[in-house]
C-alpha atoms as a PDB file:
ATOM      1  CA  MET A   1      26.040  42.366   0.858  1.00  0.00           C
ATOM      2  CA  SER A   2      24.377  39.088  -0.071  1.00  0.00           C
ATOM      3  CA  HIS A   3      25.473  36.730  -2.895  1.00  0.00           C
ATOM      4  CA  GLY A   4      23.800  34.391  -5.446  1.00  0.00           C
ATOM      5  CA  GLY A   5      22.897  31.868  -2.917  1.00  0.00           C
ATOM      6  CA  ARG A   6      19.947  33.753  -1.385  1.00  0.00           C
ATOM      7  CA  ALA A   7      16.610  34.597  -3.402  1.00  0.00           C
ATOM      8  CA  GLN A   8      16.245  38.155  -4.257  1.00  0.00           C
ATOM      9  CA  ARG A   9      13.090  40.161  -3.490  1.00  0.00           C
ATOM     10  CA  PRO A  10      11.286  41.363  -6.650  1.00  0.00           C
ATOM     11  CA  LEU A  11      11.449  44.814  -7.685  1.00  0.00           C
ATOM     12  CA  SER A  12       8.697  47.045  -8.679  1.00  0.00           C
ATOM     13  CA  PRO A  13       8.445  48.599 -12.217  1.00  0.00           C
ATOM     14  CA  ASP A  14       9.975  51.867 -10.758  1.00  0.00           C
ATOM     15  CA  GLN A  15      12.701  50.162  -8.991  1.00  0.00           C
ATOM     16  CA  GLN A  16      13.426  48.085 -12.164  1.00  0.00           C
ATOM     17  CA  ALA A  17      13.621  51.427 -14.004  1.00  0.00           C
ATOM     18  CA  LEU A  18      16.156  52.700 -11.552  1.00  0.00           C
ATOM     19  CA  VAL A  19      18.421  49.616 -12.055  1.00  0.00           C
ATOM     20  CA  ALA A  20      18.263  49.877 -15.629  1.00  0.00           C
ATOM     21  CA  GLN A  21      19.263  53.388 -15.460  1.00  0.00           C
ATOM     22  CA  ALA A  22      22.342  52.663 -13.409  1.00  0.00           C
ATOM     23  CA  VAL A  23      23.684  49.594 -15.106  1.00  0.00           C
ATOM     24  CA  PRO A  24      25.967  51.634 -17.268  1.00  0.00           C
ATOM     25  CA  LEU A  25      27.381  53.041 -14.030  1.00  0.00           C
ATOM     26  CA  ALA A  26      27.898  49.571 -12.519  1.00  0.00           C
ATOM     27  CA  GLU A  27      29.755  48.344 -15.705  1.00  0.00           C
ATOM     28  CA  GLN A  28      32.012  51.633 -15.640  1.00  0.00           C
ATOM     29  CA  LEU A  29      32.959  50.608 -11.972  1.00  0.00           C
ATOM     30  CA  CYS A  30      33.676  47.168 -12.792  1.00  0.00           C
ATOM     31  CA  ASP A  31      35.836  48.219 -15.479  1.00  0.00           C
ATOM     32  CA  GLN A  32      37.722  50.683 -13.276  1.00  0.00           C
ATOM     33  CA  PHE A  33      38.341  47.894 -10.847  1.00  0.00           C
ATOM     34  CA  LEU A  34      39.458  45.419 -13.570  1.00  0.00           C
ATOM     35  CA  ARG A  35      41.956  48.061 -14.984  1.00  0.00           C
ATOM     36  CA  ARG A  36      43.281  49.022 -11.433  1.00  0.00           C
ATOM     37  CA  THR A  37      43.773  45.387 -10.302  1.00  0.00           C
ATOM     38  CA  ARG A  38      44.253  43.502 -13.439  1.00  0.00           C
ATOM     39  CA  ALA A  39      42.281  40.770 -11.825  1.00  0.00           C
ATOM     40  CA  ARG A  40      40.558  39.592 -14.965  1.00  0.00           C
ATOM     41  CA  TYR A  41      39.910  36.219 -13.573  1.00  0.00           C
ATOM     42  CA  VAL A  42      37.223  37.596 -11.216  1.00  0.00           C
ATOM     43  CA  ALA A  43      35.398  39.788 -14.061  1.00  0.00           C
ATOM     44  CA  ASP A  44      32.146  37.574 -13.880  1.00  0.00           C
ATOM     45  CA  ASP A  45      32.187  37.716 -10.129  1.00  0.00           C
ATOM     46  CA  LEU A  46      32.492  41.656 -10.040  1.00  0.00           C
ATOM     47  CA  ARG A  47      29.566  41.949 -12.471  1.00  0.00           C
ATOM     48  CA  SER A  48      27.499  39.523 -10.764  1.00  0.00           C
ATOM     49  CA  ALA A  49      28.220  41.416  -7.321  1.00  0.00           C
ATOM     50  CA  ALA A  50      27.493  44.955  -9.071  1.00  0.00           C
ATOM     51  CA  LEU A  51      24.253  43.875 -10.411  1.00  0.00           C
ATOM     52  CA  GLN A  52      23.188  42.369  -7.015  1.00  0.00           C
ATOM     53  CA  ALA A  53      24.230  45.721  -5.351  1.00  0.00           C
ATOM     54  CA  LEU A  54      22.057  47.636  -7.721  1.00  0.00           C
ATOM     55  CA  HIS A  55      19.111  45.288  -6.834  1.00  0.00           C
ATOM     56  CA  GLU A  56      19.617  45.906  -3.051  1.00  0.00           C
ATOM     57  CA  ALA A  57      20.066  49.750  -3.714  1.00  0.00           C
ATOM     58  CA  ALA A  58      16.975  49.752  -5.554  1.00  0.00           C
ATOM     59  CA  LEU A  59      15.209  47.889  -2.726  1.00  0.00           C
ATOM     60  CA  GLY A  60      16.536  50.367   0.053  1.00  0.00           C
ATOM     61  CA  TYR A  61      16.169  53.667  -2.059  1.00  0.00           C
ATOM     62  CA  ASP A  62      14.233  56.476  -0.773  1.00  0.00           C
ATOM     63  CA  PRO A  63      13.857  59.330  -3.113  1.00  0.00           C
ATOM     64  CA  ALA A  64      12.193  61.679  -0.322  1.00  0.00           C
ATOM     65  CA  ARG A  65      15.956  61.743   1.224  1.00  0.00           C
ATOM     66  CA  GLY A  66      16.992  64.134  -1.891  1.00  0.00           C
ATOM     67  CA  VAL A  67      19.895  61.680  -2.948  1.00  0.00           C
ATOM     68  CA  PRO A  68      19.832  60.843  -6.632  1.00  0.00           C
ATOM     69  CA  PHE A  69      19.815  57.181  -7.205  1.00  0.00           C
ATOM     70  CA  PRO A  70      23.014  56.974  -9.120  1.00  0.00           C
ATOM     71  CA  VAL A  71      24.832  58.375  -6.145  1.00  0.00           C
ATOM     72  CA  TYR A  72      23.154  56.196  -3.672  1.00  0.00           C
ATOM     73  CA  ALA A  73      23.906  53.171  -5.752  1.00  0.00           C
ATOM     74  CA  TRP A  74      27.437  54.219  -6.575  1.00  0.00           C
ATOM     75  CA  ARG A  75      28.609  53.950  -2.946  1.00  0.00           C
ATOM     76  CA  ARG A  76      26.808  50.309  -2.774  1.00  0.00           C
ATOM     77  CA  VAL A  77      28.480  49.129  -5.977  1.00  0.00           C
ATOM     78  CA  ASP A  78      31.762  50.238  -5.037  1.00  0.00           C
ATOM     79  CA  GLY A  79      31.465  48.607  -1.481  1.00  0.00           C
ATOM     80  CA  ALA A  80      30.368  45.354  -3.081  1.00  0.00           C
ATOM     81  CA  LEU A  81      33.168  45.259  -5.504  1.00  0.00           C
ATOM     82  CA  SER A  82      35.746  46.140  -2.983  1.00  0.00           C
ATOM     83  CA  ASP A  83      34.307  43.213  -0.829  1.00  0.00           C
ATOM     84  CA  THR A  84      34.250  40.780  -3.734  1.00  0.00           C
ATOM     85  CA  LEU A  85      37.859  41.510  -4.721  1.00  0.00           C
ATOM     86  CA  ARG A  86      38.959  41.359  -1.108  1.00  0.00           C
ATOM     87  CA  GLN A  87      37.586  37.903  -0.722  1.00  0.00           C
ATOM     88  CA  GLU A  88      38.924  36.701  -3.859  1.00  0.00           C
ATOM     89  CA  SER A  89      42.451  38.009  -3.312  1.00  0.00           C
ATOM     90  CA  LYS A  90      42.703  36.342   0.003  1.00  0.00           C
ATOM     91  CA  HIS A  91      41.925  32.839  -1.567  1.00  0.00           C
ATOM     92  CA  TRP A  92      44.175  33.474  -4.557  1.00  0.00           C
ATOM     93  CA  ARG A  93      46.966  34.576  -2.120  1.00  0.00           C
ATOM     94  CA  ALA A  94      46.736  31.481  -0.154  1.00  0.00           C
ATOM     95  CA  ALA A  95      46.732  29.273  -3.098  1.00  0.00           C
ATOM     96  CA  ARG A  96      49.850  31.082  -4.461  1.00  0.00           C
ATOM     97  CA  GLU A  97      51.554  30.386  -1.301  1.00  0.00           C
ATOM     98  CA  ASP A  98      50.808  26.669  -1.926  1.00  0.00           C
ATOM     99  CA  GLY A  99      52.529  26.927  -5.278  1.00  0.00           C
ATOM    100  CA  TYR A 100      55.569  28.603  -3.712  1.00  0.00           C
ATOM    101  CA  ASP A 101      55.587  25.723  -1.352  1.00  0.00           C
ATOM    102  CA  ALA A 102      55.685  23.297  -4.272  1.00  0.00           C
ATOM    103  CA  ALA A 103      58.228  25.300  -6.055  1.00  0.00           C
ATOM    104  CA  ASP A 104      60.500  24.770  -2.968  1.00  0.00           C
ATOM    105  CA  ALA A 105      59.929  21.131  -3.059  1.00  0.00           C
ATOM    106  CA  VAL A 106      60.427  20.627  -6.722  1.00  0.00           C
ATOM    107  CA  HIS A 107      63.789  18.932  -7.272  1.00  0.00           C
ATOM    108  CA  ASP A 108      65.785  20.265 -10.344  1.00  0.00           C
ATOM    109  CA  ALA A 109      67.694  17.316 -11.679  1.00  0.00           C
ATOM    110  CA  SER A 110      68.556  18.841 -14.960  1.00  0.00           C
ATOM    111  CA  ASP A 111      72.144  19.451 -16.223  1.00  0.00           C
ATOM    112  CA  VAL A 112      72.103  22.751 -17.967  1.00  0.00           C
ATOM    113  CA  LEU A 113      75.461  21.701 -19.682  1.00  0.00           C
ATOM    114  CA  ALA A 114      74.439  18.175 -20.763  1.00  0.00           C
ATOM    115  CA  ASP A 115      70.702  18.369 -21.219  1.00  0.00           C
ATOM    116  CA  GLY A 116      69.497  19.301 -24.920  1.00  0.00           C
ATOM    117  CA  ASP A 117      66.588  21.663 -25.553  1.00  0.00           C
ATOM    118  CA  ALA A 118      63.999  19.143 -25.593  1.00  0.00           C
ATOM    119  CA  GLU A 119      65.025  17.888 -22.183  1.00  0.00           C
ATOM    120  CA  THR A 120      65.175  21.161 -20.711  1.00  0.00           C
ATOM    121  CA  THR A 121      61.884  22.209 -22.055  1.00  0.00           C
ATOM    122  CA  ALA A 122      60.058  19.039 -20.792  1.00  0.00           C
ATOM    123  CA  HIS A 123      61.756  19.458 -17.195  1.00  0.00           C
ATOM    124  CA  VAL A 124      60.745  23.143 -17.018  1.00  0.00           C
ATOM    125  CA  ASP A 125      57.018  22.280 -18.046  1.00  0.00           C
ATOM    126  CA  GLU A 126      56.953  19.504 -15.463  1.00  0.00           C
ATOM    127  CA  MET A 127      58.108  21.828 -12.809  1.00  0.00           C
ATOM    128  CA  GLY A 128      55.453  24.613 -13.801  1.00  0.00           C
ATOM    129  CA  ASP A 129      52.830  21.826 -13.944  1.00  0.00           C
ATOM    130  CA  GLN A 130      53.519  20.846 -10.330  1.00  0.00           C
ATOM    131  CA  VAL A 131      53.485  24.474  -8.990  1.00  0.00           C
ATOM    132  CA  ALA A 132      50.139  25.109 -10.916  1.00  0.00           C
ATOM    133  CA  ALA A 133      48.778  21.809  -9.486  1.00  0.00           C
ATOM    134  CA  ALA A 134      49.592  22.749  -5.980  1.00  0.00           C
ATOM    135  CA  ALA A 135      47.928  26.187  -6.305  1.00  0.00           C
ATOM    136  CA  ALA A 136      44.762  24.434  -7.755  1.00  0.00           C
ATOM    137  CA  LEU A 137      44.713  22.026  -4.911  1.00  0.00           C
ATOM    138  CA  GLY A 138      45.039  24.889  -2.507  1.00  0.00           C
ATOM    139  CA  LEU A 139      42.385  27.047  -4.023  1.00  0.00           C
ATOM    140  CA  VAL A 140      40.001  24.279  -4.173  1.00  0.00           C
ATOM    141  CA  GLY A 141      40.655  23.191  -0.687  1.00  0.00           C
ATOM    142  CA  ARG A 142      39.885  26.702   0.639  1.00  0.00           C
ATOM    143  CA  ALA A 143      36.770  26.908  -1.576  1.00  0.00           C
ATOM    144  CA  LEU A 144      35.506  23.691  -0.089  1.00  0.00           C
ATOM    145  CA  ALA A 145      36.277  24.882   3.495  1.00  0.00           C
ATOM    146  CA  ALA A 146      34.800  28.163   3.166  1.00  0.00           C
ATOM    147  CA  PRO A 147      31.709  28.553   5.192  1.00  0.00           C
ATOM    148  CA  GLY A 148      28.240  29.997   4.499  1.00  0.00           C
ATOM    149  CA  GLU A 149      27.274  32.320   1.451  1.00  0.00           C
ATOM    150  CA  GLU A 150      31.045  32.819   0.756  1.00  0.00           C
ATOM    151  CA  GLY A 151      31.519  29.022   0.601  1.00  0.00           C
ATOM    152  CA  GLU A 152      28.603  28.695  -1.782  1.00  0.00           C
ATOM    153  CA  ARG A 153      29.765  31.465  -4.014  1.00  0.00           C
ATOM    154  CA  LEU A 154      33.384  30.044  -4.123  1.00  0.00           C
ATOM    155  CA  ARG A 155      32.282  26.404  -4.898  1.00  0.00           C
ATOM    156  CA  ALA A 156      30.000  27.764  -7.743  1.00  0.00           C
ATOM    157  CA  THR A 157      32.752  29.868  -9.161  1.00  0.00           C
ATOM    158  CA  TYR A 158      35.311  27.235  -8.993  1.00  0.00           C
ATOM    159  CA  ASP A 159      33.048  24.384  -9.837  1.00  0.00           C
ATOM    160  CA  ARG A 160      35.070  23.317 -13.057  1.00  0.00           C
ATOM    161  CA  ALA A 161      38.370  23.447 -10.999  1.00  0.00           C
ATOM    162  CA  ILE A 162      36.741  21.243  -8.093  1.00  0.00           C
ATOM    163  CA  ARG A 163      35.711  18.575 -10.771  1.00  0.00           C
ATOM    164  CA  ALA A 164      39.079  18.698 -12.337  1.00  0.00           C
ATOM    165  CA  VAL A 165      41.023  18.275  -8.914  1.00  0.00           C
ATOM    166  CA  GLU A 166      38.520  15.429  -7.634  1.00  0.00           C
ATOM    167  CA  ALA A 167      39.090  13.655 -10.963  1.00  0.00           C
ATOM    168  CA  ALA A 168      42.823  13.889 -10.639  1.00  0.00           C
ATOM    169  CA  LEU A 169      42.590  12.673  -7.114  1.00  0.00           C
ATOM    170  CA  SER A 170      40.649   9.735  -7.890  1.00  0.00           C
ATOM    171  CA  ARG A 171      43.729   8.399  -9.716  1.00  0.00           C
ATOM    172  CA  LEU A 172      45.799   8.263  -6.430  1.00  0.00           C
ATOM    173  CA  THR A 173      46.074   5.840  -3.567  1.00  0.00           C
ATOM    174  CA  GLU A 174      44.159   6.545  -0.480  1.00  0.00           C
ATOM    175  CA  GLN A 175      47.424   7.537   1.318  1.00  0.00           C
ATOM    176  CA  GLU A 176      48.429   9.920  -1.501  1.00  0.00           C
ATOM    177  CA  ARG A 177      45.046  11.580  -1.296  1.00  0.00           C
ATOM    178  CA  ARG A 178      45.213  11.804   2.294  1.00  0.00           C
ATOM    179  CA  VAL A 179      48.581  13.464   2.518  1.00  0.00           C
ATOM    180  CA  LEU A 180      47.841  15.935  -0.016  1.00  0.00           C
ATOM    181  CA  LEU A 181      44.390  16.831   1.508  1.00  0.00           C
ATOM    182  CA  LEU A 182      45.748  17.266   5.033  1.00  0.00           C
ATOM    183  CA  HIS A 183      48.100  19.873   3.586  1.00  0.00           C
ATOM    184  CA  HIS A 184      46.104  21.750   1.223  1.00  0.00           C
ATOM    185  CA  VAL A 185      42.597  21.339   2.483  1.00  0.00           C
ATOM    186  CA  GLU A 186      43.098  21.156   6.463  1.00  0.00           C
ATOM    187  CA  GLU A 187      46.243  23.440   5.989  1.00  0.00           C
ATOM    188  CA  ARG A 188      48.210  21.196   8.400  1.00  0.00           C
ATOM    189  CA  THR A 189      51.943  21.711   8.604  1.00  0.00           C
ATOM    190  CA  TRP A 190      54.190  18.827   7.721  1.00  0.00           C
ATOM    191  CA  GLN A 191      55.223  17.997  11.308  1.00  0.00           C
ATOM    192  CA  ALA A 192      51.360  17.571  12.086  1.00  0.00           C
ATOM    193  CA  ILE A 193      51.140  15.574   8.814  1.00  0.00           C
ATOM    194  CA  GLY A 194      53.978  13.354   9.972  1.00  0.00           C
ATOM    195  CA  ASP A 195      52.398  12.917  13.307  1.00  0.00           C
ATOM    196  CA  ALA A 196      48.954  11.939  11.886  1.00  0.00           C
ATOM    197  CA  LEU A 197      50.691   9.456   9.457  1.00  0.00           C
ATOM    198  CA  GLY A 198      53.247   7.915  12.197  1.00  0.00           C
ATOM    199  CA  CYS A 199      56.239   9.377  10.442  1.00  0.00           C
ATOM    200  CA  SER A 200      58.767  12.159  10.759  1.00  0.00           C
ATOM    201  CA  GLU A 201      58.343  15.464   9.237  1.00  0.00           C
ATOM    202  CA  ARG A 202      60.922  14.803   6.488  1.00  0.00           C
ATOM    203  CA  THR A 203      59.098  11.661   5.550  1.00  0.00           C
ATOM    204  CA  ALA A 204      55.937  13.382   5.358  1.00  0.00           C
ATOM    205  CA  LYS A 205      57.398  16.181   3.163  1.00  0.00           C
ATOM    206  CA  ARG A 206      58.678  13.398   0.793  1.00  0.00           C
ATOM    207  CA  ARG A 207      55.458  11.677   0.590  1.00  0.00           C
ATOM    208  CA  GLY A 208      53.660  15.018  -0.128  1.00  0.00           C
ATOM    209  CA  ALA A 209      56.173  15.681  -2.987  1.00  0.00           C
ATOM    210  CA  GLU A 210      55.724  12.197  -4.319  1.00  0.00           C
ATOM    211  CA  ALA A 211      51.829  12.539  -4.183  1.00  0.00           C
ATOM    212  CA  ARG A 212      51.923  15.948  -5.660  1.00  0.00           C
ATOM    213  CA  LYS A 213      53.756  14.655  -8.662  1.00  0.00           C
ATOM    214  CA  ARG A 214      51.457  11.867  -9.214  1.00  0.00           C
ATOM    215  CA  PHE A 215      48.540  14.322  -8.823  1.00  0.00           C
ATOM    216  CA  THR A 216      50.184  16.557 -11.396  1.00  0.00           C
ATOM    217  CA  ALA A 217      50.793  13.745 -13.902  1.00  0.00           C
ATOM    218  CA  ALA A 218      46.887  12.803 -13.359  1.00  0.00           C
ATOM    219  CA  LEU A 219      45.744  16.365 -13.898  1.00  0.00           C
ATOM    220  CA  ARG A 220      47.761  16.680 -17.045  1.00  0.00           C
ATOM    221  CA  ALA A 221      46.506  13.434 -18.486  1.00  0.00           C
ATOM    222  CA  ASP A 222      42.940  14.609 -17.789  1.00  0.00           C
ATOM    223  CA  ARG A 223      43.544  17.697 -19.628  1.00  0.00           C
ATOM    224  CA  GLU A 224      44.984  16.167 -22.550  1.00  0.00           C
ATOM    225  CA  ARG A 225      41.965  13.630 -22.740  1.00  0.00           C
ATOM    226  CA  ALA A 226      39.596  16.486 -22.490  1.00  0.00           C
ATOM    227  CA  GLN A 227      41.372  18.272 -25.226  1.00  0.00           C
ATOM    228  CA  GLY A 228      40.972  15.141 -27.317  1.00  0.00           C
ATOM    229  CA  GLY A 229      37.443  14.787 -26.662  1.00  0.00           C
ATOM    230  CA  ALA A 230      37.520  11.829 -24.341  1.00  0.00           C
ATOM    231  CA  SER A 231      35.412  11.666 -21.135  1.00  0.00           C
ATOM    232  CA  GLY A 232      37.040  12.119 -17.937  1.00  0.00           C
ATOM    233  CA  PRO A 233      37.336   9.600 -14.852  1.00  0.00           C
ATOM    234  CA  GLU A 234      34.902   9.348 -11.960  1.00  0.00           C
ATOM    235  CA  ARG A 235      35.164  11.779  -9.080  1.00  0.00           C
ATOM    236  CA  ALA A 236      36.628  11.205  -5.812  1.00  0.00           C
ATOM    237  CA  GLY A 237      35.326  13.724  -3.410  1.00  0.00           C
ATOM    238  CA  VAL A 238      37.721  16.062  -1.741  1.00  0.00           C
ATOM    239  CA  SER A 239      35.478  17.135   1.100  1.00  0.00           C
ATOM    240  CA  GLY A 240      35.790  14.663   4.054  1.00  0.00           C
ATOM    241  CA  VAL A 241      38.499  12.395   2.665  1.00  0.00           C
ATOM    242  CA  THR A 242      41.148  13.728   5.040  1.00  0.00           C
ATOM    243  CA  SER A 243      42.274  12.267   8.355  1.00  0.00           C
ATOM    244  CA  GLY A 244      39.129  10.669   9.421  1.00  0.00           C
END
């Protein structure tokens, strides 16, 4: 299956009519996939993949074989949707693992007996923001590292997330950016990061936690600024700003 990065061959009027006839079928399949998986965040990707599959099915359809076009197209749309969801799930699963890693590193300094409701709420919000920020870093890192057409599709899909992550990274020091990118983009272990930074694994993890906390604060500040209507900071590129 091809994605949006490759030019499509034009359809003849008859082929266009076949596609128009099968669009409700493709929409039905998309709805079935979304109901079954609850992956609403990829709804646009699924519909794009379904339409691309219909286009390619019309190009390859031969009525002389005696197979009705809806049957012929159904198989190809179903395969395209499965492929899209499989690729998306792989990247989201990896991003969630980064979030879990961040959750393990977040230090809970609250006192459930002494802290008031406001302090507890603020602390929980901060922990949640750190986990979400780590997942965003992981997702963006994998989108930037993915090769070929898959990489083009992911970078187009997550362009807004990439811009938000790059803007937040621009607020950090060079060393803070480096430790985050080594872990979330190059997917190095903390031991390997310690070797690259000339420190112990424990120190590398501590620096990573501190950098992620500052990144989270920058991401939150940019979001609040955007909600207030102000323009965001300049971008600091993620790609190629790692170990050097």
